[in-house]
Amino acid sequence: MSDSSDQEEVPPHLARYREYKRKQELRKQKKAAQSAAPQESPQASSDNTSSTLDNFINHPLTTPLLKLALWVFLLLFFAHHEFGSVFFLVSIPVFVWQSMEEYKRGPRELSAYSVFNKNLEKLDGTFTSEQWERELKYGAAAVRKQD
């Protein structure tokens, strides 16, 4: 369907979603084949349990829900020991750090903040202090894009 160079450019969450959908389709085909042949062996029963567990583990919401449950449990634990507010305040920067870890920019994708771009490259349409100064001195009509 696609070559390996396309796979490198696919974001990780999209690759996980595609893998999840592929496994889901395989499970549907397997169930259809099993319904065509009604005899069931003990091995098939353990495969069904295994596929249910795989379905749960590979579901896109499993990890966030487990993280949320752990956070709520720890919050209640620390609140019981009168450190709930400390835990909450410490968890805020941890949450921010974790949410920033999930998204990585592509090689040609520019940041909205020019200080993080190679050669301090600015996005088109960025309003700079130099442009503002020129507009104040010479009027808005005097400002043109400068390369």
Protein backbone atom coordinates (compact mmCIF):
# COMPACT_ATOMS: atom_id res chain seq x y z
CA MET A 1 0.00 0.00 0.00
CA SER A 2 2.71 2.52 0.94
CA ASP A 3 6.46 2.32 1.09
CA SER A 4 8.63 2.70 4.18
CA SER A 5 9.52 6.36 3.45
CA ASP A 6 5.84 7.27 3.95
CA GLN A 7 5.83 5.49 7.30
CA GLU A 8 8.60 7.78 8.64
CA GLU A 9 6.53 10.91 7.99
CA VAL A 10 3.38 9.60 9.71
CA PRO A 11 2.84 11.08 13.19
CA PRO A 12 3.08 8.46 15.96
CA HIS A 13 -0.53 8.86 17.08
CA LEU A 14 -1.73 8.30 13.50
CA ALA A 15 0.44 5.20 13.16
CA ARG A 16 -1.00 3.83 16.44
CA TYR A 17 -4.52 4.56 15.21
CA ARG A 18 -3.89 2.79 11.90
CA GLU A 19 -2.43 -0.21 13.71
CA TYR A 20 -5.45 -0.26 16.03
CA LYS A 21 -7.84 -0.17 13.06
CA ARG A 22 -5.89 -2.92 11.26
CA LYS A 23 -6.08 -5.17 14.33
CA GLN A 24 -9.77 -4.39 14.71
CA GLU A 25 -10.39 -5.41 11.10
CA LEU A 26 -8.44 -8.65 11.62
CA ARG A 27 -10.55 -9.40 14.71
CA LYS A 28 -13.75 -8.84 12.69
CA GLN A 29 -12.54 -11.23 10.02
CA LYS A 30 -11.57 -13.79 12.66
CA LYS A 31 -15.02 -13.54 14.32
CA ALA A 32 -16.70 -13.93 10.94
CA ALA A 33 -14.64 -17.05 10.26
CA GLN A 34 -15.46 -18.43 13.73
CA SER A 35 -19.19 -17.84 13.29
CA ALA A 36 -19.02 -19.78 10.03
CA ALA A 37 -17.46 -22.72 11.93
CA PRO A 38 -19.44 -22.99 15.22
CA GLN A 39 -17.25 -25.68 16.87
CA GLU A 40 -15.02 -24.07 19.46
CA SER A 41 -11.98 -25.55 21.13
CA PRO A 42 -10.40 -24.54 24.47
CA GLN A 43 -7.59 -22.90 22.50
CA ALA A 44 -10.08 -20.63 20.69
CA SER A 45 -11.54 -19.58 24.04
CA SER A 46 -8.12 -18.47 25.32
CA ASP A 47 -7.48 -16.65 22.02
CA ASN A 48 -10.76 -14.74 22.50
CA THR A 49 -9.67 -13.68 26.01
CA SER A 50 -6.27 -12.71 24.65
CA SER A 51 -7.79 -10.64 21.85
CA THR A 52 -10.08 -8.87 24.34
CA LEU A 53 -7.06 -7.98 26.47
CA ASP A 54 -5.14 -6.83 23.38
CA ASN A 55 -8.16 -4.75 22.37
CA PHE A 56 -8.17 -3.06 25.79
CA ILE A 57 -4.41 -2.48 25.88
CA ASN A 58 -4.20 -1.11 22.34
CA HIS A 59 -7.21 1.17 22.65
CA PRO A 60 -6.22 4.86 22.20
CA LEU A 61 -7.95 5.93 25.44
CA THR A 62 -6.41 3.27 27.71
CA THR A 63 -3.23 5.16 28.60
CA PRO A 64 -4.86 8.55 29.29
CA LEU A 65 -7.59 6.94 31.41
CA LEU A 66 -5.04 4.96 33.43
CA LYS A 67 -2.97 8.11 33.96
CA LEU A 68 -6.07 10.00 35.10
CA ALA A 69 -7.06 7.20 37.49
CA LEU A 70 -3.54 7.13 38.95
CA TRP A 71 -3.54 10.92 39.35
CA VAL A 72 -6.94 10.90 41.12
CA PHE A 73 -5.81 8.05 43.38
CA LEU A 74 -2.60 9.90 44.30
CA LEU A 75 -4.52 13.14 44.86
CA LEU A 76 -6.90 11.39 47.25
CA PHE A 77 -3.99 9.67 49.00
CA PHE A 78 -2.09 12.94 49.50
CA ALA A 79 -5.28 14.80 50.47
CA HIS A 80 -5.91 12.16 53.14
CA HIS A 81 -2.41 12.86 54.49
CA GLU A 82 -3.00 16.64 54.22
CA PHE A 83 -0.64 17.16 51.28
CA GLY A 84 -3.33 17.39 48.58
CA SER A 85 -2.63 21.02 47.67
CA VAL A 86 1.12 20.35 47.46
CA PHE A 87 0.49 17.38 45.16
CA PHE A 88 -1.87 19.46 43.02
CA LEU A 89 0.64 22.32 42.68
CA VAL A 90 3.47 19.94 41.82
CA SER A 91 1.33 18.07 39.31
CA ILE A 92 0.55 21.23 37.28
CA PRO A 93 4.11 21.66 35.88
CA VAL A 94 4.33 17.89 35.39
CA PHE A 95 1.12 17.98 33.35
CA VAL A 96 2.42 20.88 31.25
CA TRP A 97 5.72 19.09 30.63
CA GLN A 98 3.95 15.85 29.67
CA SER A 99 1.59 17.59 27.26
CA MET A 100 4.53 19.32 25.55
CA GLU A 101 6.35 16.00 25.15
CA GLU A 102 3.57 14.47 23.04
CA TYR A 103 3.88 16.84 20.08
CA LYS A 104 7.12 17.11 18.13
CA ARG A 105 7.46 19.49 15.21
CA GLY A 106 8.40 18.14 11.80
CA PRO A 107 11.73 19.01 10.18
CA ARG A 108 10.28 21.85 8.06
CA GLU A 109 7.59 23.00 10.48
CA LEU A 110 8.24 26.43 11.96
CA SER A 111 7.51 27.47 15.53
CA ALA A 112 5.31 30.50 16.16
CA TYR A 113 8.21 31.86 18.22
CA SER A 114 11.05 32.82 15.89
CA VAL A 115 13.72 32.30 18.57
CA PHE A 116 13.11 28.52 18.29
CA ASN A 117 13.48 28.47 14.49
CA LYS A 118 16.70 27.92 12.57
CA ASN A 119 18.28 31.30 11.67
CA LEU A 120 15.50 33.00 13.70
CA GLU A 121 13.20 32.62 10.70
CA LYS A 122 9.84 34.35 11.18
CA LEU A 123 6.42 33.18 10.02
CA ASP A 124 4.75 35.14 7.24
CA GLY A 125 2.58 37.88 8.69
CA THR A 126 4.50 38.16 11.96
CA PHE A 127 4.15 41.62 13.46
CA THR A 128 7.60 42.76 14.63
CA SER A 129 8.80 45.69 16.67
CA GLU A 130 10.76 46.98 13.66
CA GLN A 131 7.58 47.03 11.57
CA TRP A 132 5.70 48.81 14.34
CA GLU A 133 8.47 51.41 14.66
CA ARG A 134 8.44 52.07 10.88
CA GLU A 135 4.65 52.46 10.95
CA LEU A 136 4.91 55.01 13.76
CA LYS A 137 7.63 57.03 12.00
CA TYR A 138 6.50 56.87 8.37
CA GLY A 139 2.87 55.71 8.43
CA ALA A 140 1.29 52.38 7.63
CA ALA A 141 1.61 52.87 3.85
CA ALA A 142 5.41 53.04 4.08
CA VAL A 143 5.73 49.53 5.48
CA ARG A 144 6.52 46.76 2.99
CA LYS A 145 7.70 43.22 3.53
CA GLN A 146 11.45 43.26 3.90
CA ASP A 147 13.47 40.12 3.11
